[in-house]
Amino acid sequence: LDYETALLYEVYAVRDPESLPEAFRPSAEDLHPRCGTPALVAAQQAAPQLSAAFQSKLAKTLQRPARANSLVTPSGRFRLHYDVEGRHGVDARDEDGNGIPDYVDDTVTTLDDAWQLEVVDLGYRAPLEDGSVGGGSEYDVYLTDLSGSGVYGYAFPEFSGNTTPVYFEIDNNFTDPIYVQTRGLDALHVTVAHEFFHGVQFSYYSGRNGL
């Protein structure tokens, strides 16, 4: 493989495994990265020095997903995007009867807790804002079926500079067989804390040598 193709394949492996040639698609038996962010950062940082064709393919692959529903967390800091039907849908169970799936409620609480811990309690710099992309000035988080790639989540760098805003994708349930070591709500809590801290990190420095 040439360098550009190898970079794209690494991005496809975590973002869109179905775009990979059959021989390169990850299997359930393969060792999977827990976080897809390093592959995305490597491709984004390299893009300005690579061909226009590479940049076009990368931009297409890194387009934000479309979800039917969104809500802003009580803190007003995050906008969570989700589906209740289809491949990326969350479990529609709503035991508290508030009209919002319980998994969405759990994610909302976890996001605001991550902000409180990492920005307020520990004093780290807040992630950079992306303007109104995603529907508002909030930090965007998308619930996505990531079981095909086996990653728990990733933070997408919006730009290739030394700092960048990000948006996040995390799995829509963490219950698929690929998630073995950490599952369910434990996996949700760890992943939100980890991916949110990439956003914090990239407000200081987003180069691939910082991962």
Protein backbone atom coordinates (compact mmCIF):
# COMPACT_ATOMS: atom_id res chain seq x y z
CA LEU A 1 0.00 0.00 0.00
CA ASP A 2 1.16 3.55 -0.64
CA TYR A 3 1.18 6.03 2.24
CA GLU A 4 -2.07 7.81 1.34
CA THR A 5 -3.98 4.55 0.93
CA ALA A 6 -2.63 3.22 4.22
CA LEU A 7 -3.77 6.38 6.03
CA LEU A 8 -7.23 6.17 4.48
CA TYR A 9 -7.54 2.50 5.34
CA GLU A 10 -6.71 3.26 8.97
CA VAL A 11 -9.48 5.86 9.01
CA TYR A 12 -11.91 3.48 7.29
CA ALA A 13 -11.09 0.78 9.84
CA VAL A 14 -12.49 2.90 12.67
CA ARG A 15 -14.98 5.11 10.82
CA ASP A 16 -16.39 3.04 7.95
CA PRO A 17 -15.12 -0.58 7.86
CA GLU A 18 -17.49 -1.44 5.02
CA SER A 19 -15.46 0.84 2.73
CA LEU A 20 -12.37 -1.33 3.23
CA PRO A 21 -11.48 -4.04 0.72
CA GLU A 22 -12.54 -7.40 2.13
CA ALA A 23 -8.97 -8.45 2.90
CA PHE A 24 -8.45 -5.44 5.17
CA ARG A 25 -11.68 -5.50 7.14
CA PRO A 26 -11.28 -6.14 10.88
CA SER A 27 -12.73 -9.39 12.21
CA ALA A 28 -14.10 -10.23 15.63
CA GLU A 29 -10.88 -12.11 16.37
CA ASP A 30 -8.57 -9.18 15.59
CA LEU A 31 -7.12 -6.95 18.25
CA HIS A 32 -9.03 -3.67 18.09
CA PRO A 33 -7.96 -0.22 19.23
CA ARG A 34 -10.16 1.03 22.05
CA CYS A 35 -10.10 4.59 20.70
CA GLY A 36 -10.08 5.59 17.05
CA THR A 37 -8.80 9.12 17.59
CA PRO A 38 -5.08 8.51 16.79
CA ALA A 39 -5.88 7.24 13.28
CA LEU A 40 -8.11 10.25 12.59
CA VAL A 41 -5.55 12.73 13.88
CA ALA A 42 -2.76 11.15 11.81
CA ALA A 43 -4.80 11.46 8.62
CA GLN A 44 -6.01 14.98 9.39
CA GLN A 45 -2.50 16.22 10.21
CA ALA A 46 -1.05 14.69 7.05
CA ALA A 47 -3.81 15.87 4.72
CA PRO A 48 -2.47 19.37 3.85
CA GLN A 49 0.73 17.83 2.44
CA LEU A 50 -1.05 15.09 0.48
CA SER A 51 -3.01 14.98 -2.76
CA ALA A 52 -6.32 16.69 -3.45
CA ALA A 53 -7.82 13.24 -4.06
CA PHE A 54 -6.77 12.10 -0.58
CA GLN A 55 -8.16 15.26 1.02
CA SER A 56 -11.47 14.79 -0.79
CA LYS A 57 -11.81 11.16 0.29
CA LEU A 58 -10.87 12.00 3.86
CA ALA A 59 -13.37 14.87 4.06
CA LYS A 60 -16.11 12.60 2.74
CA THR A 61 -15.28 9.91 5.29
CA LEU A 62 -15.20 12.37 8.18
CA GLN A 63 -18.54 14.04 7.45
CA ARG A 64 -20.68 14.38 10.53
CA PRO A 65 -23.36 11.72 10.83
CA ALA A 66 -27.04 12.59 10.54
CA ARG A 67 -29.30 11.60 13.42
CA ALA A 68 -33.05 12.10 13.75
CA ASN A 69 -33.04 13.44 17.31
CA SER A 70 -30.94 15.74 19.43
CA LEU A 71 -31.14 17.30 22.86
CA VAL A 72 -29.03 19.67 24.92
CA THR A 73 -27.77 18.45 28.29
CA PRO A 74 -28.96 20.24 31.46
CA SER A 75 -25.63 22.07 31.75
CA GLY A 76 -26.12 23.50 28.25
CA ARG A 77 -22.62 22.32 27.32
CA PHE A 78 -23.38 19.35 25.05
CA ARG A 79 -25.77 18.51 22.24
CA LEU A 80 -26.39 14.77 21.99
CA HIS A 81 -27.51 13.39 18.61
CA TYR A 82 -29.20 9.99 18.44
CA ASP A 83 -31.62 7.68 16.62
CA VAL A 84 -34.21 5.36 18.11
CA GLU A 85 -34.58 3.24 14.97
CA GLY A 86 -32.24 1.64 12.45
CA ARG A 87 -28.66 0.54 12.70
CA HIS A 88 -27.56 3.38 14.96
CA GLY A 89 -30.68 3.41 17.12
CA VAL A 90 -30.47 3.23 20.89
CA ASP A 91 -32.61 0.93 23.01
CA ALA A 92 -35.98 2.71 23.23
CA ARG A 93 -36.55 1.56 26.83
CA ASP A 94 -37.77 4.47 28.97
CA GLU A 95 -38.27 3.19 32.50
CA ASP A 96 -38.64 6.62 34.06
CA GLY A 97 -41.31 7.61 31.52
CA ASN A 98 -39.76 10.97 30.66
CA GLY A 99 -40.06 10.39 26.90
CA ILE A 100 -36.30 9.96 26.46
CA PRO A 101 -34.59 6.56 26.11
CA ASP A 102 -32.77 5.56 29.28
CA TYR A 103 -29.47 5.15 27.44
CA VAL A 104 -29.75 8.75 26.25
CA ASP A 105 -30.48 9.88 29.82
CA ASP A 106 -27.42 8.00 31.05
CA THR A 107 -25.24 9.54 28.34
CA VAL A 108 -26.50 13.04 29.10
CA THR A 109 -25.68 12.66 32.80
CA THR A 110 -22.26 11.20 32.03
CA LEU A 111 -21.36 14.04 29.67
CA ASP A 112 -22.20 16.72 32.23
CA ASP A 113 -20.31 14.77 34.91
CA ALA A 114 -17.23 14.65 32.64
CA TRP A 115 -17.34 18.43 32.23
CA GLN A 116 -17.66 18.93 35.98
CA LEU A 117 -14.72 16.63 36.72
CA GLU A 118 -12.29 17.58 33.98
CA VAL A 119 -12.97 21.30 33.50
CA VAL A 120 -14.42 22.50 36.83
CA ASP A 121 -12.84 20.22 39.43
CA LEU A 122 -9.48 19.53 37.76
CA GLY A 123 -9.22 22.92 36.09
CA TYR A 124 -8.36 21.88 32.54
CA ARG A 125 -9.11 24.19 29.62
CA ALA A 126 -12.51 23.62 27.99
CA PRO A 127 -12.58 22.18 24.45
CA LEU A 128 -12.67 24.74 21.66
CA GLU A 129 -16.12 25.67 20.37
CA ASP A 130 -17.11 24.89 16.78
CA GLY A 131 -19.52 27.79 16.29
CA SER A 132 -23.00 26.67 15.28
CA VAL A 133 -22.04 23.44 13.50
CA GLY A 134 -24.32 20.62 14.59
CA GLY A 135 -27.24 22.86 15.45
CA GLY A 136 -25.82 25.13 18.12
CA SER A 137 -22.73 26.24 20.00
CA GLU A 138 -22.76 23.15 22.22
CA TYR A 139 -20.19 20.34 21.98
CA ASP A 140 -21.64 17.71 19.67
CA VAL A 141 -21.77 14.02 20.57
CA TYR A 142 -23.20 11.37 18.25
CA LEU A 143 -24.42 7.91 19.25
CA THR A 144 -23.31 5.44 16.59
CA ASP A 145 -23.11 1.68 16.16
CA LEU A 146 -19.33 1.26 16.31
CA SER A 147 -19.34 -2.51 16.75
CA GLY A 148 -18.14 -3.06 13.17
CA SER A 149 -14.86 -1.35 13.95
CA GLY A 150 -14.64 -2.46 17.57
CA VAL A 151 -13.64 0.95 18.90
CA TYR A 152 -15.46 2.42 21.87
CA GLY A 153 -15.40 5.95 20.53
CA TYR A 154 -13.37 8.69 18.90
CA ALA A 155 -12.95 12.43 18.77
CA PHE A 156 -12.90 14.00 15.30
CA PRO A 157 -10.41 16.86 14.86
CA GLU A 158 -12.15 19.54 12.82
CA PHE A 159 -8.88 21.13 11.60
CA SER A 160 -5.28 20.11 11.03
CA GLY A 161 -3.69 22.95 13.05
CA ASN A 162 -2.01 22.87 16.43
CA THR A 163 -5.38 23.23 18.16
CA THR A 164 -8.82 22.27 16.96
CA PRO A 165 -12.43 21.86 18.02
CA VAL A 166 -13.72 18.30 17.89
CA TYR A 167 -16.92 16.36 17.84
CA PHE A 168 -17.32 12.94 19.37
CA GLU A 169 -18.86 9.63 18.45
CA ILE A 170 -19.43 6.87 20.98
CA ASP A 171 -21.14 3.51 20.70
CA ASN A 172 -24.92 3.37 20.89
CA ASN A 173 -25.09 0.58 23.49
CA PHE A 174 -21.72 -1.05 24.36
CA THR A 175 -23.48 -4.41 24.50
CA ASP A 176 -22.38 -5.98 21.20
CA PRO A 177 -20.15 -9.08 21.48
CA ILE A 178 -17.07 -7.13 20.34
CA TYR A 179 -17.11 -5.27 23.67
CA VAL A 180 -15.61 -7.84 25.98
CA GLN A 181 -13.43 -6.26 28.66
CA THR A 182 -15.72 -3.34 29.54
CA ARG A 183 -19.41 -3.26 28.64
CA GLY A 184 -22.66 -1.41 29.23
CA LEU A 185 -22.72 1.64 31.48
CA ASP A 186 -19.15 1.06 32.69
CA ALA A 187 -17.98 1.33 29.09
CA LEU A 188 -20.14 4.43 28.55
CA HIS A 189 -18.62 6.20 31.55
CA VAL A 190 -15.02 5.39 30.63
CA THR A 191 -15.49 6.27 26.96
CA VAL A 192 -17.17 9.62 27.59
CA ALA A 193 -14.42 10.64 30.02
CA HIS A 194 -11.72 9.55 27.58
CA GLU A 195 -13.13 11.12 24.41
CA PHE A 196 -14.09 14.34 26.15
CA PHE A 197 -10.52 14.64 27.39
CA HIS A 198 -9.31 14.47 23.80
CA GLY A 199 -11.38 17.62 23.27
CA VAL A 200 -9.67 19.18 26.29
CA GLN A 201 -6.28 18.01 25.02
CA PHE A 202 -6.83 19.47 21.55
CA SER A 203 -7.54 22.89 23.04
CA TYR A 204 -3.86 22.83 24.07
CA TYR A 205 -2.27 20.84 21.24
CA SER A 206 -3.65 18.48 18.62
CA GLY A 207 -0.54 17.19 16.82
CA ARG A 208 -0.24 13.45 16.28
CA ASN A 209 3.00 13.40 18.31
CA GLY A 210 0.93 14.44 21.32
CA LEU A 211 -1.14 11.24 21.38
